[in-house]
């Protein structure tokens, strides 16, 4: 078995259960803002619309075609417009409150906390994320896993987004790791898997819903599958 010394995790959709935490926040905002009385009769429909729009905007953001500040404004503005509601003040408020509330939620994928505790006894652990700098540290602290990571490298701090090889090079430089001794663990094929391949790293694709990347070094149906590989 190949010997790794440094493990680099993505955060959202890999350790921190983004979908669950986001949906809980959106339901709270739907109720707080009384959106049922504003012409959006169903919370699930509101969430589905937001997720569709947000996903499309994130693809543009990760490809470098959209500024993060514009993304934050557009995702709620466009969601409201889809439901026939034009209210700029409400869109701004939803965007602000979502960013304040969502990172404080603490749901992780099953087994994540215990796995990190066990891995930390043998490896140096790090985060490489395209998520926003000001919220990723809040997520780590809120979910109780911040202590396990030596480096938390965001795309903002690195000046490049995954899959750009520069963020992987920055991670190696800051941790004094080598590409041969590093393993990238993430859920995104274009960002995590293709980025790691381009950088010459081994990579584990976390694909709990199936459809694992056939070109990945490892495919994980659950996080605990890492135990057989690393422990």
Foldseek 3Di string as FASTA:
>chain_A
DAAAAEEEEAPDPFWAPLVVLLLVQQVVLCVVVVVCVVQPVDSVLLVVLLVVQLVVVVVCVQVPNDDPVVSLQCSQQVSCVVRVHHDSVSSVVSSVSSLVRSLLDADTFPPNQVVLVVVLVRHAYAYEYQDDPVRPCSNCVNNVNVVRHPYYHYCVNQVHAFLPLSSVVVVCVVVVGDQSNYEYEYADCRGTVVSNVVNNHQYEHADLPDPFDPPHPYYHVGPCVCVVVHD
